[in-house]
N, C-alpha and C. Protein backbone atom coordinates (compact mmCIF):
# COMPACT_ATOMS: atom_id res chain seq x y z
N MET A 1 0.85 -1.20 0.00
CA MET A 1 0.00 0.01 0.01
C MET A 1 0.89 1.25 0.00
N MET A 2 1.97 1.18 0.75
CA MET A 2 2.85 2.37 0.77
C MET A 2 3.41 2.65 -0.59
N LYS A 3 3.85 1.61 -1.27
CA LYS A 3 4.44 1.83 -2.62
C LYS A 3 3.38 2.40 -3.57
N ILE A 4 2.19 1.84 -3.52
CA ILE A 4 1.13 2.32 -4.43
C ILE A 4 0.82 3.79 -4.11
N SER A 5 0.79 4.14 -2.87
CA SER A 5 0.46 5.52 -2.48
C SER A 5 1.56 6.43 -3.01
N GLU A 6 2.78 6.03 -2.86
CA GLU A 6 3.89 6.88 -3.32
C GLU A 6 3.86 7.05 -4.83
N VAL A 7 3.65 5.94 -5.52
CA VAL A 7 3.58 6.00 -7.00
C VAL A 7 2.44 6.85 -7.43
N MET A 8 1.28 6.65 -6.85
CA MET A 8 0.09 7.41 -7.24
C MET A 8 0.34 8.90 -6.98
N GLN A 9 0.84 9.23 -5.81
CA GLN A 9 1.05 10.66 -5.47
C GLN A 9 2.04 11.29 -6.44
N THR A 10 3.04 10.53 -6.84
CA THR A 10 4.05 11.07 -7.75
C THR A 10 3.51 11.10 -9.19
N ASP A 11 2.96 9.99 -9.63
CA ASP A 11 2.46 9.93 -11.00
C ASP A 11 1.19 10.78 -11.20
N VAL A 12 0.22 10.56 -10.31
CA VAL A 12 -1.06 11.26 -10.47
C VAL A 12 -0.87 12.75 -10.10
N ALA A 13 -0.22 13.00 -8.99
CA ALA A 13 -0.01 14.38 -8.59
C ALA A 13 0.62 15.19 -9.70
N ARG A 14 1.51 14.59 -10.41
CA ARG A 14 2.19 15.31 -11.51
C ARG A 14 1.18 15.60 -12.61
N VAL A 15 0.32 14.66 -12.87
CA VAL A 15 -0.66 14.88 -13.95
C VAL A 15 -1.72 15.87 -13.52
N ASP A 16 -2.34 15.63 -12.41
CA ASP A 16 -3.39 16.53 -11.88
C ASP A 16 -3.73 16.22 -10.43
N PRO A 17 -3.84 17.23 -9.61
CA PRO A 17 -4.14 16.99 -8.19
C PRO A 17 -5.56 16.46 -8.01
N HIS A 18 -6.47 16.89 -8.88
CA HIS A 18 -7.85 16.44 -8.78
C HIS A 18 -7.99 14.96 -9.14
N THR A 19 -7.26 14.59 -10.13
CA THR A 19 -7.32 13.18 -10.58
C THR A 19 -6.82 12.25 -9.48
N SER A 20 -5.80 12.69 -8.77
CA SER A 20 -5.22 11.83 -7.70
C SER A 20 -6.32 11.53 -6.67
N LEU A 21 -7.11 12.51 -6.30
CA LEU A 21 -8.18 12.31 -5.32
C LEU A 21 -9.21 11.36 -5.88
N ARG A 22 -9.53 11.54 -7.13
CA ARG A 22 -10.56 10.70 -7.74
C ARG A 22 -10.06 9.23 -7.82
N GLU A 23 -8.87 9.07 -8.27
CA GLU A 23 -8.31 7.69 -8.43
C GLU A 23 -8.14 7.06 -7.06
N ALA A 24 -7.68 7.84 -6.11
CA ALA A 24 -7.47 7.30 -4.75
C ALA A 24 -8.79 6.80 -4.17
N ALA A 25 -9.83 7.58 -4.34
CA ALA A 25 -11.18 7.17 -3.81
C ALA A 25 -11.64 5.92 -4.56
N ARG A 26 -11.34 5.82 -5.81
CA ARG A 26 -11.79 4.68 -6.62
C ARG A 26 -11.05 3.42 -6.13
N LEU A 27 -9.77 3.55 -5.93
CA LEU A 27 -8.97 2.37 -5.47
C LEU A 27 -9.42 2.00 -4.05
N MET A 28 -9.62 2.99 -3.23
CA MET A 28 -10.03 2.74 -1.85
C MET A 28 -11.39 2.01 -1.81
N ARG A 29 -12.29 2.42 -2.66
CA ARG A 29 -13.60 1.76 -2.70
C ARG A 29 -13.48 0.37 -3.28
N GLY A 30 -12.53 0.22 -4.18
CA GLY A 30 -12.31 -1.12 -4.76
C GLY A 30 -12.94 -1.18 -6.09
């Protein structure tokens, strides 16, 4: 989970801060 969070924050955050929140919620929900 730590690795995924780091990768998402770096990859998604770079693309768009809003997308990171949307993707994070989607992954968290499953």
